[in-house]
């Protein structure tokens, strides 16, 4: 039985403390879910999976609250999930395992983050007491790189790709308007290597990670569809679709391998299980917590001699430029990948990779129809 991933919709992503600061996590999601439900005419999904990373004591199951407020239907089950930055990708993995053609053929999956509304949240890992940025600086030291210049160059490419994607209309049918905001506010068309090089280190005077080569605190929400062949009948035939082939989740020893390095060990396992090499992957969508984290992944992945062409990585920008609302990033990146991959030749493959706090990560293998 084939499982299909179809791009959903998302809000624009904006920096926390910006135009969405009056909206809590539920309020960010309700208009988004309403817009996705409108794609179904009078139909409904069979179940929904939604997530947010920063908890709110006012509700215990944000998925149910969102979908009740959005009018999804009182009889549609909705449950919440969380795995730090991998949250809504894990929702997709869970949904893929639950779908069948005996009554559960269509799932709505996504997530959100309203960091503006978070009264207090831990930016430090509970076990180590260090932030993700501090951990990444430790990984840079352990690996002997990447350099500050390489990080800034990667960040600049992310902004240029994101701006170009917006300019050619790539994001238009993936994004709704919310509170008068019609597009992401974080991509910078006026940044440069000189401007990025002038920024001070964010995690110690000797560090190389800056506000310019790291993803910003972001407010936003994103959703996507997962369906069997039977579930596709309830979705617009014009929506791109790609096959969900396989996945891998991983956890590493934080002290020995690095807090954000799990995907670098999960990707080779996933490829080996499917008898694939790097050359077999036409598109790599890698979450950009930090430019250093992506470059460190590549450094580990390419130790054996195989290389990944840089032009295949995040061709429409990544989290550094687009933003990173923790719970929404998985749905954003998988929707973006589904649209990109569906436009390629039949049988083209993509890897989607997300690192997560706690030394964990998730990776998915997708293939065009």
Protein backbone atom coordinates (compact mmCIF):
# COMPACT_ATOMS: atom_id res chain seq x y z
CA UNK A 1 0.00 0.00 0.00
CA UNK A 2 1.44 3.37 -1.03
CA UNK A 3 1.51 6.28 1.42
CA UNK A 4 1.55 9.73 -0.14
CA UNK A 5 2.75 13.07 1.21
CA UNK A 6 1.02 16.15 -0.20
CA UNK A 7 1.96 19.75 0.55
CA UNK A 8 -0.36 21.55 2.89
CA UNK A 9 -0.37 25.19 3.85
CA UNK A 10 1.42 27.31 6.40
CA UNK A 11 1.29 30.76 7.86
CA UNK A 12 4.05 33.18 6.99
CA UNK A 13 6.93 32.69 9.41
CA UNK A 14 7.85 35.80 11.39
CA UNK A 15 10.34 36.56 14.14
CA UNK A 16 8.97 36.18 17.66
CA UNK A 17 7.92 39.50 19.11
CA UNK A 18 6.76 40.56 15.65
CA UNK A 19 3.35 40.80 13.96
CA UNK A 20 2.00 37.53 15.43
CA UNK A 21 2.92 38.29 19.03
CA UNK A 22 -0.74 38.63 20.07
CA UNK A 23 -1.57 35.11 18.84
CA UNK A 24 -1.14 32.02 20.97
CA UNK A 25 -0.33 28.63 19.48
CA UNK A 26 -3.99 27.72 18.92
CA UNK A 27 -4.86 31.07 17.35
CA UNK A 28 -1.99 30.65 14.89
CA UNK A 29 -3.39 27.30 13.76
CA UNK A 30 -7.14 27.83 13.46
CA UNK A 31 -7.13 29.92 10.24
CA UNK A 32 -4.50 27.60 8.76
CA UNK A 33 -6.53 24.46 9.47
CA UNK A 34 -9.63 26.22 8.16
CA UNK A 35 -7.84 26.95 4.89
CA UNK A 36 -6.68 23.34 4.59
CA UNK A 37 -10.15 22.03 5.34
CA UNK A 38 -11.49 24.20 2.51
CA UNK A 39 -9.38 22.09 0.14
CA UNK A 40 -11.61 19.11 0.98
CA UNK A 41 -14.96 20.71 0.19
CA UNK A 42 -17.35 18.82 2.48
CA UNK A 43 -15.04 15.92 3.38
CA UNK A 44 -12.97 15.54 6.55
CA UNK A 45 -9.74 13.68 7.33
CA UNK A 46 -9.99 10.45 9.29
CA UNK A 47 -7.68 11.72 12.04
CA UNK A 48 -5.27 14.55 12.79
CA UNK A 49 -1.84 14.77 14.41
CA UNK A 50 -0.52 18.12 15.60
CA UNK A 51 2.28 19.27 17.84
CA UNK A 52 3.96 22.13 19.64
CA UNK A 53 7.22 22.02 21.56
CA UNK A 54 6.71 24.68 24.21
CA UNK A 55 3.90 23.46 26.49
CA UNK A 56 0.97 25.52 27.71
CA UNK A 57 -0.76 24.47 30.93
CA UNK A 58 -4.08 25.84 29.66
CA UNK A 59 -4.53 22.77 27.42
CA UNK A 60 -3.38 19.16 27.44
CA UNK A 61 -4.01 18.23 23.78
CA UNK A 62 -3.42 21.14 21.41
CA UNK A 63 -4.43 19.00 18.42
CA UNK A 64 -7.97 18.52 19.75
CA UNK A 65 -8.30 22.17 20.76
CA UNK A 66 -7.14 23.44 17.36
CA UNK A 67 -9.41 21.19 15.37
CA UNK A 68 -12.47 21.82 17.50
CA UNK A 69 -11.94 25.59 17.19
CA UNK A 70 -11.42 25.19 13.44
CA UNK A 71 -14.63 23.21 13.04
CA UNK A 72 -12.90 20.03 11.92
CA UNK A 73 -15.68 17.92 13.43
CA UNK A 74 -16.28 16.61 16.92
CA UNK A 75 -16.02 12.99 15.80
CA UNK A 76 -12.59 13.29 14.13
CA UNK A 77 -9.85 12.06 16.51
CA UNK A 78 -6.92 14.43 17.00
CA UNK A 79 -3.85 13.79 19.12
CA UNK A 80 -0.68 15.70 19.91
CA UNK A 81 2.93 14.65 19.53
CA UNK A 82 6.30 16.16 20.38
CA UNK A 83 9.97 15.49 19.57
CA UNK A 84 11.57 18.93 19.79
CA UNK A 85 12.33 20.29 16.30
CA UNK A 86 11.30 16.98 14.69
CA UNK A 87 7.78 17.26 16.12
CA UNK A 88 5.61 17.54 13.01
CA UNK A 89 7.86 15.19 11.04
CA UNK A 90 7.30 12.64 13.78
CA UNK A 91 3.59 13.35 13.38
CA UNK A 92 3.92 12.37 9.72
CA UNK A 93 5.80 9.18 10.61
CA UNK A 94 3.10 8.27 13.14
CA UNK A 95 0.32 9.02 10.66
CA UNK A 96 2.00 6.96 7.93
CA UNK A 97 1.97 3.95 10.26
CA UNK A 98 -1.72 4.41 11.07
CA UNK A 99 -3.10 4.84 7.55
CA UNK A 100 -4.85 2.02 5.76
CA UNK A 101 -7.69 1.59 3.27
CA UNK A 102 -10.14 0.25 5.84
CA UNK A 103 -11.31 3.57 7.25
CA UNK A 104 -8.12 5.57 7.92
CA UNK A 105 -6.98 6.75 4.50
CA UNK A 106 -6.41 10.49 5.04
CA UNK A 107 -4.58 12.35 7.83
CA UNK A 108 -3.97 16.02 8.49
CA UNK A 109 -0.60 16.56 10.18
CA UNK A 110 1.24 19.65 11.36
CA UNK A 111 2.42 21.82 14.18
CA UNK A 112 2.96 25.28 15.51
CA UNK A 113 4.99 27.48 17.81
CA UNK A 114 4.15 30.81 19.38
CA UNK A 115 7.37 31.73 21.09
CA UNK A 116 6.08 35.28 21.53
CA UNK A 117 3.41 33.88 23.87
CA UNK A 118 5.74 31.54 25.74
CA UNK A 119 6.10 33.07 29.19
CA UNK A 120 9.14 30.90 29.87
CA UNK A 121 10.75 28.07 27.98
CA UNK A 122 14.06 26.29 28.32
CA UNK A 123 16.58 27.21 25.69
CA UNK A 124 19.13 25.05 27.50
CA UNK A 125 19.25 21.27 27.42
CA UNK A 126 18.02 20.02 30.80
CA UNK A 127 20.69 17.33 31.10
CA UNK A 128 23.70 19.47 30.28
CA UNK A 129 22.50 22.97 31.13
CA UNK A 130 23.90 24.22 27.82
CA UNK A 131 21.99 25.77 24.93
CA UNK A 132 21.90 24.23 21.48
CA UNK A 133 24.23 26.99 20.28
CA UNK A 134 26.74 26.23 23.01
CA UNK A 135 26.59 22.55 22.13
CA UNK A 136 27.11 23.36 18.47
CA UNK A 137 30.20 25.39 19.31
CA UNK A 138 31.52 22.31 21.15
CA UNK A 139 30.86 20.17 18.07
CA UNK A 140 32.69 22.67 15.86
CA UNK A 141 35.68 22.42 18.19
CA UNK A 142 35.55 18.61 18.23
CA UNK A 143 35.35 18.37 14.42
CA UNK A 144 37.84 21.15 13.73
CA UNK A 145 35.28 23.13 11.72
CA UNK A 146 33.34 24.38 9.90
CA UNK A 147 34.90 27.83 9.77
CA UNK A 148 33.06 31.08 10.41
CA UNK A 149 33.47 32.01 6.74
CA UNK A 150 31.90 28.72 5.60
CA UNK A 151 28.98 29.24 7.98
CA UNK A 152 28.34 32.75 6.72
CA UNK A 153 28.51 31.59 3.10
CA UNK A 154 25.94 28.88 3.82
CA UNK A 155 23.64 31.37 5.57
CA UNK A 156 23.89 33.79 2.66
CA UNK A 157 22.92 31.00 0.24
CA UNK A 158 19.90 30.19 2.40
CA UNK A 159 18.68 33.79 2.23
CA UNK A 160 19.34 34.08 -1.50
CA UNK A 161 17.49 30.82 -2.21
CA UNK A 162 14.54 31.81 -0.02
CA UNK A 163 14.25 35.27 -1.58
CA UNK A 164 14.48 33.76 -5.08
CA UNK A 165 11.82 31.21 -4.17
CA UNK A 166 9.45 33.94 -3.07
CA UNK A 167 10.19 36.07 -6.11
CA UNK A 168 9.38 33.29 -8.59
CA UNK A 169 6.18 32.39 -6.71
CA UNK A 170 7.29 29.02 -5.31
CA UNK A 171 5.78 29.72 -1.89
CA UNK A 172 2.57 31.41 -3.06
CA UNK A 173 0.37 28.31 -2.97
CA UNK A 174 2.01 27.00 0.21
CA UNK A 175 1.30 30.06 2.38
CA UNK A 176 -1.85 31.76 3.64
CA UNK A 177 -2.22 35.41 4.61
CA UNK A 178 -2.54 36.07 8.34
CA UNK A 179 -3.12 39.42 10.06
CA UNK A 180 -2.18 41.21 6.86
CA UNK A 181 1.14 39.36 6.56
CA UNK A 182 1.37 37.62 3.19
CA UNK A 183 4.93 36.29 3.12
CA UNK A 184 7.81 35.35 5.41
CA UNK A 185 9.44 38.39 6.99
CA UNK A 186 12.81 36.81 7.81
CA UNK A 187 14.51 36.29 4.39
CA UNK A 188 16.86 39.18 3.63
CA UNK A 189 17.48 40.32 0.07
CA UNK A 190 20.00 42.92 1.25
CA UNK A 191 22.33 40.77 3.33
CA UNK A 192 25.90 40.08 2.25
CA UNK A 193 29.00 38.28 3.39
CA UNK A 194 30.32 41.59 4.68
CA UNK A 195 27.23 42.20 6.81
CA UNK A 196 27.23 38.65 8.12
CA UNK A 197 30.95 38.83 8.94
CA UNK A 198 30.37 41.97 11.02
CA UNK A 199 28.00 40.23 13.45
CA UNK A 200 29.41 39.29 16.87
CA UNK A 201 29.51 35.68 18.12
CA UNK A 202 26.35 34.69 19.98
CA UNK A 203 27.80 32.01 22.29
CA UNK A 204 31.07 33.31 23.65
CA UNK A 205 33.65 35.73 22.30
CA UNK A 206 35.68 32.99 20.62
CA UNK A 207 32.72 31.32 18.94
CA UNK A 208 31.72 31.37 15.27
CA UNK A 209 27.91 31.08 15.50
CA UNK A 210 26.08 34.40 15.14
CA UNK A 211 22.52 35.63 14.81
CA UNK A 212 23.16 35.69 11.06
CA UNK A 213 24.16 32.06 10.57
CA UNK A 214 21.60 30.56 12.96
CA UNK A 215 17.83 30.13 12.71
CA UNK A 216 15.86 32.82 14.60
CA UNK A 217 13.14 32.37 17.22
CA UNK A 218 10.01 32.25 15.10
CA UNK A 219 6.21 32.24 15.32
CA UNK A 220 4.21 30.23 12.80
CA UNK A 221 2.19 27.12 11.97
CA UNK A 222 2.29 24.58 9.14
CA UNK A 223 0.30 21.56 7.97
CA UNK A 224 0.48 18.77 5.39
CA UNK A 225 -1.55 15.81 4.16
CA UNK A 226 -0.76 12.10 4.28
CA UNK A 227 -2.96 9.73 2.33
CA UNK A 228 -3.34 6.27 0.87
CA UNK A 229 -4.55 5.80 -2.70
CA UNK A 230 -8.11 5.85 -1.37
CA UNK A 231 -7.47 9.03 0.60
CA UNK A 232 -6.24 10.85 -2.49
CA UNK A 233 -9.81 10.86 -3.80
CA UNK A 234 -10.74 13.41 -1.12
CA UNK A 235 -7.95 15.82 -2.04
CA UNK A 236 -7.73 18.18 -5.02
CA UNK A 237 -6.15 16.31 -7.96
CA UNK A 238 -4.00 19.36 -8.63
CA UNK A 239 -2.04 18.93 -5.37
CA UNK A 240 1.48 17.54 -5.92
CA UNK A 241 2.07 14.18 -4.29
CA UNK A 242 5.14 12.07 -3.54
CA UNK A 243 5.54 8.63 -2.01
CA UNK A 244 6.56 8.26 1.62
CA UNK A 245 9.04 5.40 1.16
CA UNK A 246 10.83 4.94 4.48
CA UNK A 247 12.07 6.74 7.57
CA UNK A 248 14.71 6.52 10.25
CA UNK A 249 14.91 8.01 13.73
CA UNK A 250 18.11 8.15 15.71
CA UNK A 251 19.58 9.10 19.04
CA UNK A 252 23.26 9.70 19.80
CA UNK A 253 25.47 10.12 22.83
CA UNK A 254 25.42 13.87 23.41
CA UNK A 255 28.80 13.86 25.11
CA UNK A 256 30.59 11.91 22.36
CA UNK A 257 28.75 12.67 19.11
CA UNK A 258 27.13 16.07 19.53
CA UNK A 259 23.67 17.31 20.51
CA UNK A 260 22.46 17.95 16.94
CA UNK A 261 24.34 15.24 15.03
CA UNK A 262 21.85 12.33 15.06
CA UNK A 263 20.72 12.75 11.41
CA UNK A 264 24.31 12.33 10.22
CA UNK A 265 24.17 8.77 11.58
CA UNK A 266 20.54 8.09 10.61
CA UNK A 267 20.93 9.00 6.92
CA UNK A 268 23.51 6.30 6.08
CA UNK A 269 21.36 3.65 7.79
CA UNK A 270 18.27 4.72 5.82
CA UNK A 271 20.13 4.75 2.52
CA UNK A 272 21.80 1.39 3.16
CA UNK A 273 18.44 -0.23 3.99
CA UNK A 274 17.11 0.96 0.65
CA UNK A 275 20.30 0.11 -1.30
CA UNK A 276 20.86 3.75 -2.26
CA UNK A 277 23.93 5.98 -2.55
CA UNK A 278 24.18 9.76 -2.24
CA UNK A 279 24.10 10.03 -6.03
CA UNK A 280 20.64 8.42 -6.02
CA UNK A 281 19.22 11.37 -4.06
CA UNK A 282 18.11 14.27 -6.28
CA UNK A 283 17.06 16.58 -3.43
CA UNK A 284 18.27 17.07 0.13
CA UNK A 285 16.12 19.13 2.48
CA UNK A 286 18.12 19.53 5.68
CA UNK A 287 16.81 21.58 8.59
CA UNK A 288 19.09 24.52 9.32
CA UNK A 289 19.17 24.97 13.08
CA UNK A 290 22.59 26.48 12.45
CA UNK A 291 24.72 26.71 9.33
CA UNK A 292 27.41 24.98 11.38
CA UNK A 293 25.10 22.05 12.11
CA UNK A 294 24.34 21.41 8.42
CA UNK A 295 28.00 21.73 7.48
CA UNK A 296 29.00 19.42 10.34
CA UNK A 297 26.47 16.85 9.09
CA UNK A 298 28.03 17.05 5.64
CA UNK A 299 31.50 16.74 7.13
CA UNK A 300 30.51 13.48 8.83
CA UNK A 301 28.47 12.16 5.89
CA UNK A 302 31.27 12.78 3.40
CA UNK A 303 34.04 11.12 5.41
CA UNK A 304 33.73 7.98 3.31
CA UNK A 305 34.39 9.81 0.06
CA UNK A 306 30.85 10.22 -1.26
CA UNK A 307 29.85 13.85 -1.70
CA UNK A 308 26.52 15.65 -1.81
CA UNK A 309 26.24 18.34 -4.51
CA UNK A 310 25.54 21.59 -2.69
CA UNK A 311 23.04 22.73 -5.33
CA UNK A 312 20.78 19.83 -4.32
CA UNK A 313 20.53 21.09 -0.73
CA UNK A 314 17.63 23.37 0.29
CA UNK A 315 17.15 24.95 -3.16
CA UNK A 316 14.39 27.26 -1.91
CA UNK A 317 16.07 28.19 1.35
CA UNK A 318 15.99 26.65 4.79
CA UNK A 319 15.29 27.50 8.40
CA UNK A 320 18.02 30.14 8.68
CA UNK A 321 16.22 32.32 6.15
CA UNK A 322 12.63 31.06 6.34
CA UNK A 323 12.44 30.75 10.13
CA UNK A 324 12.04 27.92 12.62
CA UNK A 325 8.82 27.65 14.65
CA UNK A 326 9.87 24.44 16.39
CA UNK A 327 6.66 22.42 16.08
CA UNK A 328 5.93 23.64 12.54
CA UNK A 329 9.28 23.03 10.87
CA UNK A 330 8.67 19.36 10.02
CA UNK A 331 5.45 20.15 8.15
CA UNK A 332 7.04 23.15 6.43
CA UNK A 333 10.04 21.21 5.21
CA UNK A 334 8.07 18.12 4.12
CA UNK A 335 5.47 20.19 2.24
CA UNK A 336 8.25 22.14 0.56
CA UNK A 337 10.02 18.92 -0.38
CA UNK A 338 6.83 17.35 -1.76
CA UNK A 339 6.29 20.31 -4.09
CA UNK A 340 9.94 20.41 -5.21
CA UNK A 341 10.21 16.65 -5.72
CA UNK A 342 6.88 16.25 -7.53
CA UNK A 343 8.18 18.59 -10.25
CA UNK A 344 11.15 16.28 -10.93
CA UNK A 345 11.27 13.18 -13.11
CA UNK A 346 9.35 10.08 -12.06
CA UNK A 347 11.32 8.08 -9.51
CA UNK A 348 13.40 11.00 -8.24
CA UNK A 349 14.20 10.72 -4.55
CA UNK A 350 14.57 13.17 -1.68
CA UNK A 351 15.98 12.97 1.82
CA UNK A 352 14.36 15.16 4.48
CA UNK A 353 16.44 15.51 7.65
CA UNK A 354 15.73 17.25 10.95
CA UNK A 355 17.94 17.38 14.03
CA UNK A 356 16.34 17.72 17.46
CA UNK A 357 17.38 18.77 20.93
CA UNK A 358 18.41 15.91 23.18
CA UNK A 359 20.70 14.25 20.65
CA UNK A 360 17.87 12.95 18.45
CA UNK A 361 16.82 13.30 14.83
CA UNK A 362 14.46 12.08 12.14
CA UNK A 363 14.97 11.39 8.43
CA UNK A 364 12.47 10.53 5.69
CA UNK A 365 12.94 9.12 2.19
CA UNK A 366 10.43 10.40 -0.40
CA UNK A 367 10.06 9.53 -4.09
CA UNK A 368 8.26 11.21 -6.97
CA UNK A 369 5.40 9.35 -8.65
